[in-house]
Amino acid sequence: MDKRILVDSDLQKGHMLILVLDQSNFPVHSALWLFDEERDSWRLLFASEEVGGA
């Protein structure tokens, strides 16, 4: 099963987003890239105390 490669430009955009969130004092405790097989694409996920879960 061939999966799309997570390219450097996506990694850099994710890094920039994390920097902007950090500069905005939005607490991001962790982040990860996850491949969504149904959508055949990568997703950047964050964990933060500011966002409540179900």
Protein backbone atom coordinates (compact mmCIF):
# COMPACT_ATOMS: atom_id res chain seq x y z
CA MET A 1 0.00 0.00 0.00
CA ASP A 2 1.62 3.23 -1.18
CA LYS A 3 1.07 6.33 0.98
CA ARG A 4 1.69 9.95 0.12
CA ILE A 5 4.95 11.29 1.44
CA LEU A 6 4.86 14.10 3.98
CA VAL A 7 6.91 16.73 2.17
CA ASP A 8 9.23 19.32 3.62
CA SER A 9 6.94 22.24 2.70
CA ASP A 10 4.14 20.73 4.81
CA LEU A 11 6.53 20.20 7.72
CA GLN A 12 7.68 23.82 7.50
CA LYS A 13 4.09 25.13 7.37
CA GLY A 14 3.25 23.07 10.45
CA HIS A 15 6.32 24.44 12.22
CA MET A 16 5.32 28.01 11.34
CA LEU A 17 1.79 27.41 12.66
CA ILE A 18 3.17 26.13 15.95
CA LEU A 19 5.42 29.21 16.20
CA VAL A 20 2.45 31.54 15.59
CA LEU A 21 0.38 29.72 18.23
CA ASP A 22 3.30 29.97 20.67
CA GLN A 23 3.70 33.71 19.99
CA SER A 24 -0.05 34.11 20.63
CA ASN A 25 0.34 32.38 24.02
CA PHE A 26 -1.87 29.51 22.89
CA PRO A 27 -0.60 26.47 24.80
CA VAL A 28 0.21 23.57 22.49
CA HIS A 29 1.43 20.63 24.56
CA SER A 30 2.04 18.29 21.66
CA ALA A 31 1.56 18.02 17.93
CA LEU A 32 1.81 15.21 15.42
CA TRP A 33 1.27 14.49 11.77
CA LEU A 34 -1.20 11.65 11.14
CA PHE A 35 -1.95 10.07 7.77
CA ASP A 36 -5.73 9.86 7.16
CA GLU A 37 -6.24 6.86 4.87
CA GLU A 38 -9.87 7.72 4.10
CA ARG A 39 -8.89 11.18 2.81
CA ASP A 40 -5.50 10.03 1.51
CA SER A 41 -3.86 13.02 3.16
CA TRP A 42 -1.82 14.10 6.16
CA ARG A 43 -3.39 15.96 9.11
CA LEU A 44 -1.61 18.01 11.74
CA LEU A 45 -3.09 17.33 15.18
CA PHE A 46 -2.55 19.35 18.36
CA ALA A 47 -3.12 18.74 22.05
CA SER A 48 -3.96 21.72 24.25
CA GLU A 49 -5.75 22.41 27.52
CA GLU A 50 -7.59 25.27 25.76
CA VAL A 51 -9.67 22.85 23.69
CA GLY A 52 -12.17 20.65 25.49
CA GLY A 53 -12.81 17.06 24.43
CA ALA A 54 -16.02 15.07 24.36
